C-alpha atoms as a PDB file:
ATOM      1  CA  UNK A   1     -14.661 -18.711  68.238  1.00  0.00           C
ATOM      2  CA  UNK A   2     -13.173 -19.397  64.805  1.00  0.00           C
ATOM      3  CA  UNK A   3     -12.581 -16.603  62.353  1.00  0.00           C
ATOM      4  CA  UNK A   4     -12.823 -17.159  58.630  1.00  0.00           C
ATOM      5  CA  UNK A   5      -9.603 -15.611  57.419  1.00  0.00           C
ATOM      6  CA  UNK A   6     -10.655 -16.025  53.806  1.00  0.00           C
ATOM      7  CA  UNK A   7     -13.923 -14.143  54.055  1.00  0.00           C
ATOM      8  CA  UNK A   8     -14.041 -11.209  51.646  1.00  0.00           C
ATOM      9  CA  UNK A   9     -16.329  -8.326  52.580  1.00  0.00           C
ATOM     10  CA  UNK A  10     -19.033  -7.748  49.981  1.00  0.00           C
ATOM     11  CA  UNK A  11     -19.451  -4.067  49.072  1.00  0.00           C
ATOM     12  CA  UNK A  12     -22.924  -2.654  49.379  1.00  0.00           C
ATOM     13  CA  UNK A  13     -23.120  -2.264  45.601  1.00  0.00           C
ATOM     14  CA  UNK A  14     -21.692  -5.745  44.879  1.00  0.00           C
ATOM     15  CA  UNK A  15     -24.892  -7.072  43.343  1.00  0.00           C
ATOM     16  CA  UNK A  16     -25.196  -4.054  41.073  1.00  0.00           C
ATOM     17  CA  UNK A  17     -21.905  -4.990  39.418  1.00  0.00           C
ATOM     18  CA  UNK A  18     -23.004  -8.560  38.742  1.00  0.00           C
ATOM     19  CA  UNK A  19     -24.463  -9.466  35.378  1.00  0.00           C
ATOM     20  CA  UNK A  20     -28.088 -10.470  35.679  1.00  0.00           C
ATOM     21  CA  UNK A  21     -30.939 -11.097  33.278  1.00  0.00           C
ATOM     22  CA  UNK A  22     -34.231  -9.287  32.927  1.00  0.00           C
ATOM     23  CA  UNK A  23     -36.977 -10.702  30.723  1.00  0.00           C
ATOM     24  CA  UNK A  24     -39.217  -8.266  28.865  1.00  0.00           C
ATOM     25  CA  UNK A  25     -42.430  -9.406  27.208  1.00  0.00           C
ATOM     26  CA  UNK A  26     -42.124  -8.206  23.607  1.00  0.00           C
ATOM     27  CA  UNK A  27     -45.152 -10.173  22.360  1.00  0.00           C
ATOM     28  CA  UNK A  28     -47.858 -12.231  24.031  1.00  0.00           C
ATOM     29  CA  UNK A  29     -46.040 -14.918  25.989  1.00  0.00           C
ATOM     30  CA  UNK A  30     -42.680 -14.015  24.362  1.00  0.00           C
ATOM     31  CA  UNK A  31     -39.995 -12.982  26.854  1.00  0.00           C
ATOM     32  CA  UNK A  32     -36.811 -11.440  25.475  1.00  0.00           C
ATOM     33  CA  UNK A  33     -33.728 -11.767  27.734  1.00  0.00           C
ATOM     34  CA  UNK A  34     -31.800  -8.578  28.510  1.00  0.00           C
ATOM     35  CA  UNK A  35     -28.411  -8.793  30.233  1.00  0.00           C
ATOM     36  CA  UNK A  36     -28.055  -5.918  32.710  1.00  0.00           C
ATOM     37  CA  UNK A  37     -24.964  -4.756  34.579  1.00  0.00           C
ATOM     38  CA  UNK A  38     -23.680  -1.588  36.238  1.00  0.00           C
ATOM     39  CA  UNK A  39     -24.812   1.249  38.449  1.00  0.00           C
ATOM     40  CA  UNK A  40     -25.720   4.609  37.003  1.00  0.00           C
ATOM     41  CA  UNK A  41     -27.252   6.185  33.931  1.00  0.00           C
ATOM     42  CA  UNK A  42     -28.956   3.649  31.597  1.00  0.00           C
ATOM     43  CA  UNK A  43     -27.299   2.830  28.263  1.00  0.00           C
ATOM     44  CA  UNK A  44     -28.488   0.360  25.629  1.00  0.00           C
ATOM     45  CA  UNK A  45     -26.043  -1.621  23.442  1.00  0.00           C
ATOM     46  CA  UNK A  46     -27.109  -3.677  20.409  1.00  0.00           C
ATOM     47  CA  UNK A  47     -25.030  -6.591  19.169  1.00  0.00           C
ATOM     48  CA  UNK A  48     -24.064  -7.759  15.676  1.00  0.00           C
ATOM     49  CA  UNK A  49     -25.149 -10.727  13.517  1.00  0.00           C
ATOM     50  CA  UNK A  50     -24.051 -13.967  15.172  1.00  0.00           C
ATOM     51  CA  UNK A  51     -22.827 -12.119  18.266  1.00  0.00           C
ATOM     52  CA  UNK A  52     -23.766 -12.698  21.887  1.00  0.00           C
ATOM     53  CA  UNK A  53     -24.630  -9.412  23.615  1.00  0.00           C
ATOM     54  CA  UNK A  54     -22.362 -10.373  26.521  1.00  0.00           C
ATOM     55  CA  UNK A  55     -19.332  -9.989  24.236  1.00  0.00           C
ATOM     56  CA  UNK A  56     -19.550  -6.268  25.018  1.00  0.00           C
ATOM     57  CA  UNK A  57     -18.533  -6.935  28.630  1.00  0.00           C
ATOM     58  CA  UNK A  58     -14.740  -6.416  28.304  1.00  0.00           C
ATOM     59  CA  UNK A  59     -15.375  -2.911  26.966  1.00  0.00           C
ATOM     60  CA  UNK A  60     -17.929  -1.791  29.531  1.00  0.00           C
ATOM     61  CA  UNK A  61     -16.499  -3.215  32.761  1.00  0.00           C
ATOM     62  CA  UNK A  62     -14.405  -0.063  33.471  1.00  0.00           C
ATOM     63  CA  UNK A  63     -17.570   2.050  33.097  1.00  0.00           C
ATOM     64  CA  UNK A  64     -19.883   0.162  35.459  1.00  0.00           C
ATOM     65  CA  UNK A  65     -19.588   2.731  38.235  1.00  0.00           C
ATOM     66  CA  UNK A  66     -21.218   5.386  36.058  1.00  0.00           C
ATOM     67  CA  UNK A  67     -23.659   3.517  33.809  1.00  0.00           C
ATOM     68  CA  UNK A  68     -26.162   0.678  33.839  1.00  0.00           C
ATOM     69  CA  UNK A  69     -25.815  -1.215  30.583  1.00  0.00           C
ATOM     70  CA  UNK A  70     -28.789  -2.973  29.019  1.00  0.00           C
ATOM     71  CA  UNK A  71     -27.720  -5.650  26.519  1.00  0.00           C
ATOM     72  CA  UNK A  72     -30.727  -7.125  24.675  1.00  0.00           C
ATOM     73  CA  UNK A  73     -30.275 -10.539  23.084  1.00  0.00           C
ATOM     74  CA  UNK A  74     -31.986 -10.322  19.701  1.00  0.00           C
ATOM     75  CA  UNK A  75     -34.151 -13.301  18.752  1.00  0.00           C
ATOM     76  CA  UNK A  76     -32.108 -16.300  17.657  1.00  0.00           C
ATOM     77  CA  UNK A  77     -28.792 -15.124  19.129  1.00  0.00           C
ATOM     78  CA  UNK A  78     -27.024 -15.386  22.480  1.00  0.00           C
ATOM     79  CA  UNK A  79     -29.349 -16.011  25.411  1.00  0.00           C
ATOM     80  CA  UNK A  80     -32.282 -15.678  22.967  1.00  0.00           C
ATOM     81  CA  UNK A  81     -31.029 -18.433  20.656  1.00  0.00           C
ATOM     82  CA  UNK A  82     -34.149 -20.527  21.284  1.00  0.00           C
ATOM     83  CA  UNK A  83     -36.574 -17.693  20.453  1.00  0.00           C
ATOM     84  CA  UNK A  84     -37.673 -18.004  16.840  1.00  0.00           C
ATOM     85  CA  UNK A  85     -38.671 -15.295  14.410  1.00  0.00           C
ATOM     86  CA  UNK A  86     -42.343 -15.138  13.482  1.00  0.00           C
ATOM     87  CA  UNK A  87     -41.755 -12.786  10.517  1.00  0.00           C
ATOM     88  CA  UNK A  88     -39.541 -13.119   7.429  1.00  0.00           C
ATOM     89  CA  UNK A  89     -38.593  -9.441   7.768  1.00  0.00           C
ATOM     90  CA  UNK A  90     -36.381  -9.959  10.796  1.00  0.00           C
ATOM     91  CA  UNK A  91     -35.201  -6.333  10.977  1.00  0.00           C
ATOM     92  CA  UNK A  92     -38.798  -5.168  11.302  1.00  0.00           C
ATOM     93  CA  UNK A  93     -39.419  -7.703  14.055  1.00  0.00           C
ATOM     94  CA  UNK A  94     -36.222  -6.770  15.858  1.00  0.00           C
ATOM     95  CA  UNK A  95     -37.197  -3.080  15.614  1.00  0.00           C
ATOM     96  CA  UNK A  96     -40.625  -3.838  17.103  1.00  0.00           C
ATOM     97  CA  UNK A  97     -38.995  -5.826  19.917  1.00  0.00           C
ATOM     98  CA  UNK A  98     -36.549  -2.987  20.523  1.00  0.00           C
ATOM     99  CA  UNK A  99     -39.390  -0.477  20.739  1.00  0.00           C
ATOM    100  CA  UNK A 100     -40.925  -2.457  23.601  1.00  0.00           C
ATOM    101  CA  UNK A 101     -37.539  -2.796  25.322  1.00  0.00           C
ATOM    102  CA  UNK A 102     -36.787   0.939  25.120  1.00  0.00           C
ATOM    103  CA  UNK A 103     -40.264   1.881  26.338  1.00  0.00           C
ATOM    104  CA  UNK A 104     -39.920  -0.477  29.317  1.00  0.00           C
ATOM    105  CA  UNK A 105     -36.482   0.874  30.259  1.00  0.00           C
ATOM    106  CA  UNK A 106     -37.670   4.488  30.024  1.00  0.00           C
ATOM    107  CA  UNK A 107     -40.711   3.673  32.144  1.00  0.00           C
ATOM    108  CA  UNK A 108     -38.723   1.756  34.767  1.00  0.00           C
ATOM    109  CA  UNK A 109     -36.019   4.422  35.018  1.00  0.00           C
ATOM    110  CA  UNK A 110     -38.415   7.375  34.744  1.00  0.00           C
ATOM    111  CA  UNK A 111     -36.550   8.922  31.810  1.00  0.00           C
ATOM    112  CA  UNK A 112     -37.640  10.353  28.472  1.00  0.00           C
ATOM    113  CA  UNK A 113     -34.757   8.950  26.418  1.00  0.00           C
ATOM    114  CA  UNK A 114     -31.483   7.039  26.690  1.00  0.00           C
ATOM    115  CA  UNK A 115     -28.222   6.738  24.718  1.00  0.00           C
ATOM    116  CA  UNK A 116     -27.909   3.802  22.325  1.00  0.00           C
ATOM    117  CA  UNK A 117     -24.802   2.288  20.733  1.00  0.00           C
ATOM    118  CA  UNK A 118     -25.171  -0.383  18.059  1.00  0.00           C
ATOM    119  CA  UNK A 119     -22.817  -2.303  15.800  1.00  0.00           C
ATOM    120  CA  UNK A 120     -23.333  -3.878  12.370  1.00  0.00           C
ATOM    121  CA  UNK A 121     -26.679  -5.742  12.280  1.00  0.00           C
ATOM    122  CA  UNK A 122     -27.649  -4.099  15.570  1.00  0.00           C
ATOM    123  CA  UNK A 123     -27.081  -0.722  13.920  1.00  0.00           C
ATOM    124  CA  UNK A 124     -29.204  -1.820  10.967  1.00  0.00           C
ATOM    125  CA  UNK A 125     -31.940  -2.614  13.499  1.00  0.00           C
ATOM    126  CA  UNK A 126     -31.602   0.958  14.749  1.00  0.00           C
ATOM    127  CA  UNK A 127     -32.131   2.345  11.230  1.00  0.00           C
ATOM    128  CA  UNK A 128     -35.291   0.212  11.060  1.00  0.00           C
ATOM    129  CA  UNK A 129     -36.313   1.440  14.526  1.00  0.00           C
ATOM    130  CA  UNK A 130     -35.861   5.097  13.527  1.00  0.00           C
ATOM    131  CA  UNK A 131     -37.938   4.421  10.424  1.00  0.00           C
ATOM    132  CA  UNK A 132     -40.833   2.968  12.438  1.00  0.00           C
ATOM    133  CA  UNK A 133     -40.701   4.840  15.731  1.00  0.00           C
ATOM    134  CA  UNK A 134     -38.646   7.982  15.270  1.00  0.00           C
ATOM    135  CA  UNK A 135     -35.718   9.121  17.423  1.00  0.00           C
ATOM    136  CA  UNK A 136     -37.458  10.812  20.371  1.00  0.00           C
ATOM    137  CA  UNK A 137     -36.574   8.022  22.810  1.00  0.00           C
ATOM    138  CA  UNK A 138     -32.878   8.031  21.810  1.00  0.00           C
ATOM    139  CA  UNK A 139     -30.934  10.868  23.420  1.00  0.00           C
ATOM    140  CA  UNK A 140     -27.722  10.105  21.532  1.00  0.00           C
ATOM    141  CA  UNK A 141     -26.748   7.382  19.048  1.00  0.00           C
ATOM    142  CA  UNK A 142     -23.412   5.695  18.287  1.00  0.00           C
ATOM    143  CA  UNK A 143     -23.591   4.025  14.861  1.00  0.00           C
ATOM    144  CA  UNK A 144     -20.757   1.508  14.514  1.00  0.00           C
ATOM    145  CA  UNK A 145     -19.717   0.721  10.933  1.00  0.00           C
ATOM    146  CA  UNK A 146     -23.147   0.306   9.370  1.00  0.00           C
ATOM    147  CA  UNK A 147     -24.729   1.764   6.247  1.00  0.00           C
ATOM    148  CA  UNK A 148     -28.484   2.490   6.184  1.00  0.00           C
ATOM    149  CA  UNK A 149     -28.807   0.685   2.809  1.00  0.00           C
ATOM    150  CA  UNK A 150     -27.770  -2.938   2.191  1.00  0.00           C
ATOM    151  CA  UNK A 151     -28.085  -3.273  -1.598  1.00  0.00           C
ATOM    152  CA  UNK A 152     -26.128  -1.269  -4.136  1.00  0.00           C
ATOM    153  CA  UNK A 153     -28.228   0.870  -6.466  1.00  0.00           C
ATOM    154  CA  UNK A 154     -27.524   3.302  -9.324  1.00  0.00           C
ATOM    155  CA  UNK A 155     -27.390   6.179  -6.828  1.00  0.00           C
ATOM    156  CA  UNK A 156     -25.829   4.189  -3.981  1.00  0.00           C
ATOM    157  CA  UNK A 157     -22.711   2.023  -4.106  1.00  0.00           C
ATOM    158  CA  UNK A 158     -22.167   1.978  -0.357  1.00  0.00           C
ATOM    159  CA  UNK A 159     -24.035  -1.265   0.263  1.00  0.00           C
ATOM    160  CA  UNK A 160     -22.778  -4.455   1.898  1.00  0.00           C
ATOM    161  CA  UNK A 161     -19.380  -5.543   0.472  1.00  0.00           C
ATOM    162  CA  UNK A 162     -19.257  -2.513  -1.827  1.00  0.00           C
ATOM    163  CA  UNK A 163     -17.883  -3.355  -5.275  1.00  0.00           C
ATOM    164  CA  UNK A 164     -17.711  -7.066  -4.348  1.00  0.00           C
ATOM    165  CA  UNK A 165     -21.397  -7.268  -3.491  1.00  0.00           C
ATOM    166  CA  UNK A 166     -22.505  -9.309  -6.510  1.00  0.00           C
ATOM    167  CA  UNK A 167     -19.660 -11.794  -6.033  1.00  0.00           C
ATOM    168  CA  UNK A 168     -20.210 -12.321  -2.305  1.00  0.00           C
ATOM    169  CA  UNK A 169     -24.008 -12.332  -2.556  1.00  0.00           C
ATOM    170  CA  UNK A 170     -23.761 -15.098  -5.174  1.00  0.00           C
ATOM    171  CA  UNK A 171     -21.942 -17.249  -2.611  1.00  0.00           C
ATOM    172  CA  UNK A 172     -24.574 -16.452   0.018  1.00  0.00           C
ATOM    173  CA  UNK A 173     -27.404 -17.341  -2.382  1.00  0.00           C
ATOM    174  CA  UNK A 174     -25.690 -20.644  -3.097  1.00  0.00           C
ATOM    175  CA  UNK A 175     -25.358 -21.556   0.590  1.00  0.00           C
ATOM    176  CA  UNK A 176     -28.924 -20.522   1.434  1.00  0.00           C
ATOM    177  CA  UNK A 177     -30.287 -22.603  -1.458  1.00  0.00           C
ATOM    178  CA  UNK A 178     -28.189 -25.605  -0.425  1.00  0.00           C
ATOM    179  CA  UNK A 179     -29.493 -25.492   3.145  1.00  0.00           C
ATOM    180  CA  UNK A 180     -33.195 -24.907   2.380  1.00  0.00           C
ATOM    181  CA  UNK A 181     -34.059 -28.626   2.011  1.00  0.00           C
ATOM    182  CA  UNK A 182     -32.621 -29.226   5.498  1.00  0.00           C
ATOM    183  CA  UNK A 183     -33.923 -26.144   7.316  1.00  0.00           C
ATOM    184  CA  UNK A 184     -36.378 -28.183   9.443  1.00  0.00           C
ATOM    185  CA  UNK A 185     -33.743 -30.575  10.782  1.00  0.00           C
ATOM    186  CA  UNK A 186     -33.427 -30.482  14.559  1.00  0.00           C
ATOM    187  CA  UNK A 187     -29.649 -30.557  14.635  1.00  0.00           C
ATOM    188  CA  UNK A 188     -26.775 -29.291  12.506  1.00  0.00           C
ATOM    189  CA  UNK A 189     -25.110 -32.656  13.067  1.00  0.00           C
ATOM    190  CA  UNK A 190     -27.746 -34.274  10.829  1.00  0.00           C
ATOM    191  CA  UNK A 191     -26.728 -32.282   7.753  1.00  0.00           C
ATOM    192  CA  UNK A 192     -24.601 -33.975   5.073  1.00  0.00           C
ATOM    193  CA  UNK A 193     -20.955 -33.543   5.959  1.00  0.00           C
ATOM    194  CA  UNK A 194     -20.079 -31.671   2.750  1.00  0.00           C
ATOM    195  CA  UNK A 195     -22.845 -29.158   3.461  1.00  0.00           C
ATOM    196  CA  UNK A 196     -21.640 -28.642   7.030  1.00  0.00           C
ATOM    197  CA  UNK A 197     -18.169 -27.950   5.691  1.00  0.00           C
ATOM    198  CA  UNK A 198     -19.518 -25.473   3.135  1.00  0.00           C
ATOM    199  CA  UNK A 199     -21.622 -23.598   5.702  1.00  0.00           C
ATOM    200  CA  UNK A 200     -18.781 -23.264   8.207  1.00  0.00           C
ATOM    201  CA  UNK A 201     -16.263 -22.290   5.505  1.00  0.00           C
ATOM    202  CA  UNK A 202     -18.530 -19.488   4.258  1.00  0.00           C
ATOM    203  CA  UNK A 203     -19.109 -18.274   7.825  1.00  0.00           C
ATOM    204  CA  UNK A 204     -15.345 -18.184   8.370  1.00  0.00           C
ATOM    205  CA  UNK A 205     -14.791 -16.218   5.163  1.00  0.00           C
ATOM    206  CA  UNK A 206     -17.454 -13.721   6.226  1.00  0.00           C
ATOM    207  CA  UNK A 207     -15.724 -13.299   9.587  1.00  0.00           C
ATOM    208  CA  UNK A 208     -12.345 -12.829   7.902  1.00  0.00           C
ATOM    209  CA  UNK A 209     -13.782 -10.137   5.637  1.00  0.00           C
ATOM    210  CA  UNK A 210     -15.000  -8.356   8.777  1.00  0.00           C
ATOM    211  CA  UNK A 211     -11.484  -7.728  10.125  1.00  0.00           C
ATOM    212  CA  UNK A 212      -8.329  -6.045   8.893  1.00  0.00           C
ATOM    213  CA  UNK A 213      -5.642  -6.729  11.482  1.00  0.00           C
ATOM    214  CA  UNK A 214      -3.419  -9.809  11.124  1.00  0.00           C
ATOM    215  CA  UNK A 215      -3.952 -10.723  14.761  1.00  0.00           C
ATOM    216  CA  UNK A 216      -7.716 -10.598  14.252  1.00  0.00           C
ATOM    217  CA  UNK A 217      -7.511 -12.857  11.204  1.00  0.00           C
ATOM    218  CA  UNK A 218      -5.272 -15.311  13.057  1.00  0.00           C
ATOM    219  CA  UNK A 219      -7.708 -15.398  15.988  1.00  0.00           C
ATOM    220  CA  UNK A 220     -10.663 -16.093  13.697  1.00  0.00           C
ATOM    221  CA  UNK A 221      -8.792 -18.844  11.879  1.00  0.00           C
ATOM    222  CA  UNK A 222      -7.858 -20.496  15.163  1.00  0.00           C
ATOM    223  CA  UNK A 223     -11.331 -20.216  16.700  1.00  0.00           C
ATOM    224  CA  UNK A 224     -13.475 -21.195  13.724  1.00  0.00           C
ATOM    225  CA  UNK A 225     -11.637 -23.977  11.913  1.00  0.00           C
ATOM    226  CA  UNK A 226     -12.817 -27.481  12.754  1.00  0.00           C
ATOM    227  CA  UNK A 227     -11.135 -30.617  11.510  1.00  0.00           C
ATOM    228  CA  UNK A 228     -13.304 -33.425  10.164  1.00  0.00           C
ATOM    229  CA  UNK A 229     -13.913 -35.236  13.485  1.00  0.00           C
ATOM    230  CA  UNK A 230     -14.864 -31.992  15.266  1.00  0.00           C
ATOM    231  CA  UNK A 231     -17.101 -30.877  12.421  1.00  0.00           C
ATOM    232  CA  UNK A 232     -18.880 -34.231  12.385  1.00  0.00           C
ATOM    233  CA  UNK A 233     -19.988 -33.625  15.987  1.00  0.00           C
ATOM    234  CA  UNK A 234     -20.395 -29.842  15.830  1.00  0.00           C
ATOM    235  CA  UNK A 235     -23.794 -28.748  17.138  1.00  0.00           C
ATOM    236  CA  UNK A 236     -24.233 -25.373  15.461  1.00  0.00           C
ATOM    237  CA  UNK A 237     -27.219 -24.164  17.482  1.00  0.00           C
ATOM    238  CA  UNK A 238     -28.016 -21.020  15.498  1.00  0.00           C
ATOM    239  CA  UNK A 239     -27.302 -22.082  11.898  1.00  0.00           C
ATOM    240  CA  UNK A 240     -30.983 -22.109  10.874  1.00  0.00           C
ATOM    241  CA  UNK A 241     -31.576 -18.660  12.306  1.00  0.00           C
ATOM    242  CA  UNK A 242     -28.490 -17.265  10.575  1.00  0.00           C
ATOM    243  CA  UNK A 243     -29.671 -18.703   7.254  1.00  0.00           C
ATOM    244  CA  UNK A 244     -33.126 -17.124   7.693  1.00  0.00           C
ATOM    245  CA  UNK A 245     -31.593 -13.731   8.422  1.00  0.00           C
ATOM    246  CA  UNK A 246     -29.230 -14.077   5.476  1.00  0.00           C
ATOM    247  CA  UNK A 247     -32.134 -14.971   3.185  1.00  0.00           C
ATOM    248  CA  UNK A 248     -33.953 -11.804   4.235  1.00  0.00           C
ATOM    249  CA  UNK A 249     -30.835  -9.695   3.688  1.00  0.00           C
ATOM    250  CA  UNK A 250     -30.574 -11.061   0.145  1.00  0.00           C
ATOM    251  CA  UNK A 251     -34.236 -10.674  -0.804  1.00  0.00           C
ATOM    252  CA  UNK A 252     -35.558  -7.581   0.998  1.00  0.00           C
ATOM    253  CA  UNK A 253     -34.643  -4.040   0.026  1.00  0.00           C
ATOM    254  CA  UNK A 254     -33.511  -2.805   3.452  1.00  0.00           C
ATOM    255  CA  UNK A 255     -32.910   0.799   2.406  1.00  0.00           C
ATOM    256  CA  UNK A 256     -33.434   3.264   5.265  1.00  0.00           C
ATOM    257  CA  UNK A 257     -31.833   6.310   3.656  1.00  0.00           C
ATOM    258  CA  UNK A 258     -35.185   8.104   3.584  1.00  0.00           C
ATOM    259  CA  UNK A 259     -35.256   8.267   7.369  1.00  0.00           C
ATOM    260  CA  UNK A 260     -31.792   9.815   7.778  1.00  0.00           C
ATOM    261  CA  UNK A 261     -32.940  13.430   7.616  1.00  0.00           C
ATOM    262  CA  UNK A 262     -35.500  12.718  10.351  1.00  0.00           C
ATOM    263  CA  UNK A 263     -32.901  11.459  12.843  1.00  0.00           C
ATOM    264  CA  UNK A 264     -32.314  14.761  14.607  1.00  0.00           C
ATOM    265  CA  UNK A 265     -30.827  13.228  17.757  1.00  0.00           C
ATOM    266  CA  UNK A 266     -27.011  13.638  17.988  1.00  0.00           C
ATOM    267  CA  UNK A 267     -25.237  10.815  16.145  1.00  0.00           C
ATOM    268  CA  UNK A 268     -21.611   9.713  16.315  1.00  0.00           C
ATOM    269  CA  UNK A 269     -20.690   7.675  13.240  1.00  0.00           C
ATOM    270  CA  UNK A 270     -17.828   5.306  14.152  1.00  0.00           C
ATOM    271  CA  UNK A 271     -16.194   4.069  10.949  1.00  0.00           C
ATOM    272  CA  UNK A 272     -13.688   1.312  10.287  1.00  0.00           C
ATOM    273  CA  UNK A 273     -11.305   2.978   7.853  1.00  0.00           C
ATOM    274  CA  UNK A 274     -10.505  -0.329   6.159  1.00  0.00           C
ATOM    275  CA  UNK A 275     -13.910  -1.949   6.428  1.00  0.00           C
ATOM    276  CA  UNK A 276     -14.517  -4.425   3.601  1.00  0.00           C
ATOM    277  CA  UNK A 277     -18.222  -4.616   4.455  1.00  0.00           C
ATOM    278  CA  UNK A 278     -19.076  -0.917   4.201  1.00  0.00           C
ATOM    279  CA  UNK A 279     -16.775   1.412   2.308  1.00  0.00           C
ATOM    280  CA  UNK A 280     -15.538   4.220   4.563  1.00  0.00           C
ATOM    281  CA  UNK A 281     -16.074   6.933   1.929  1.00  0.00           C
ATOM    282  CA  UNK A 282     -19.752   6.034   1.591  1.00  0.00           C
ATOM    283  CA  UNK A 283     -20.127   5.903   5.359  1.00  0.00           C
ATOM    284  CA  UNK A 284     -18.675   9.399   5.573  1.00  0.00           C
ATOM    285  CA  UNK A 285     -21.398  10.495   3.169  1.00  0.00           C
ATOM    286  CA  UNK A 286     -23.938   9.166   5.686  1.00  0.00           C
ATOM    287  CA  UNK A 287     -22.397  11.450   8.320  1.00  0.00           C
ATOM    288  CA  UNK A 288     -22.955  14.405   5.999  1.00  0.00           C
ATOM    289  CA  UNK A 289     -26.559  13.346   5.315  1.00  0.00           C
ATOM    290  CA  UNK A 290     -27.488  13.210   9.005  1.00  0.00           C
ATOM    291  CA  UNK A 291     -28.758  16.532  10.455  1.00  0.00           C
ATOM    292  CA  UNK A 292     -26.738  16.363  13.677  1.00  0.00           C
ATOM    293  CA  UNK A 293     -23.753  14.042  13.291  1.00  0.00           C
ATOM    294  CA  UNK A 294     -20.010  13.819  13.849  1.00  0.00           C
ATOM    295  CA  UNK A 295     -17.718  10.961  12.896  1.00  0.00           C
ATOM    296  CA  UNK A 296     -14.741   9.047  14.179  1.00  0.00           C
ATOM    297  CA  UNK A 297     -12.639   7.089  11.683  1.00  0.00           C
ATOM    298  CA  UNK A 298     -10.331   4.372  12.992  1.00  0.00           C
ATOM    299  CA  UNK A 299      -7.960   4.181  10.005  1.00  0.00           C
ATOM    300  CA  UNK A 300      -6.593   0.678  10.610  1.00  0.00           C
ATOM    301  CA  UNK A 301      -9.862  -1.013  11.599  1.00  0.00           C
ATOM    302  CA  UNK A 302     -12.033  -3.308   9.569  1.00  0.00           C
ATOM    303  CA  UNK A 303     -15.780  -3.720  10.088  1.00  0.00           C
ATOM    304  CA  UNK A 304     -15.429  -5.573  13.403  1.00  0.00           C
ATOM    305  CA  UNK A 305     -14.171  -2.489  15.228  1.00  0.00           C
ATOM    306  CA  UNK A 306     -14.051  -3.955  18.768  1.00  0.00           C
ATOM    307  CA  UNK A 307     -11.856  -6.840  17.562  1.00  0.00           C
ATOM    308  CA  UNK A 308      -9.525  -4.866  15.306  1.00  0.00           C
ATOM    309  CA  UNK A 309      -9.199  -1.763  17.491  1.00  0.00           C
ATOM    310  CA  UNK A 310     -10.278  -2.649  21.060  1.00  0.00           C
ATOM    311  CA  UNK A 311      -8.621   0.394  22.638  1.00  0.00           C
ATOM    312  CA  UNK A 312      -9.941   2.735  19.966  1.00  0.00           C
ATOM    313  CA  UNK A 313     -13.423   1.290  20.351  1.00  0.00           C
ATOM    314  CA  UNK A 314     -13.352   1.676  24.142  1.00  0.00           C
ATOM    315  CA  UNK A 315     -12.191   5.295  23.866  1.00  0.00           C
ATOM    316  CA  UNK A 316     -14.908   6.073  21.319  1.00  0.00           C
ATOM    317  CA  UNK A 317     -17.603   4.470  23.483  1.00  0.00           C
ATOM    318  CA  UNK A 318     -16.349   6.215  26.632  1.00  0.00           C
ATOM    319  CA  UNK A 319     -16.208   9.587  24.877  1.00  0.00           C
ATOM    320  CA  UNK A 320     -19.671   9.065  23.417  1.00  0.00           C
ATOM    321  CA  UNK A 321     -21.099   8.402  26.879  1.00  0.00           C
ATOM    322  CA  UNK A 322     -19.209  11.234  28.570  1.00  0.00           C
ATOM    323  CA  UNK A 323     -20.676  13.696  26.072  1.00  0.00           C
ATOM    324  CA  UNK A 324     -24.081  12.448  27.178  1.00  0.00           C
ATOM    325  CA  UNK A 325     -23.594  13.747  30.714  1.00  0.00           C
END
């Protein structure tokens, strides 16, 4: 009898440490994909604008023996890139989708509430969720570098891009207006070349503003720049969705400050000390406005905390979850 010397025994919990996908019906006939991995207490993580939820994996792999992570893919991004928005107010729609997801997880796991960590746009979705559904289903919340109000106002200068908001928003308005005549095209490759170059250049500049570390900037430059031949063939699958979201950001108020005092669940406010998207001093004011909040400031991090400070982000996430036990 032959023996397979290369056979590796599969642990009993092997399948529980493999990433798999659950689909939750968030509207009639609309299934939202949720990446699930781990074995233990349920935790929900919400991704940023343009991000794939699975990009959290490097930070959660060491924690899989204690937690089951639910990573929803918000409409238009990641594994949900082919699911279109049916409302202009995408944050409201994301919040409604999230409500269904949280209710289904709580029902399936027989729990009253679960911890949630969210970054950037995902955290803005959480402010919208709190506004519409309250905080009873969230046992603890990690808010990662996100203000509850997007637009600067006479009593609030902590909006997106801070003192540079008017300048940067003018660029965004320009790009949105340039792309509107082409928004129904099936493929990014069909856009005029000059427009493709403008769209990708603006996206790169946005990404560069999101980081502070030199290594992060170098990585973004290397990963996002495309020479003319590559750009000519580049199939940017989510460009239309990103433009729709950006248009809503520019035109809708998106001010959730009124709900802050009602978020009584414990909140940890994780702040990038050198964030160019949301000024750290204004974010620290948010900590003070919340009824039950503490803060962690990573002094050398920009807005994209996991990229600029991966170790600091992991420690903050781990500590946040350990305090949940």
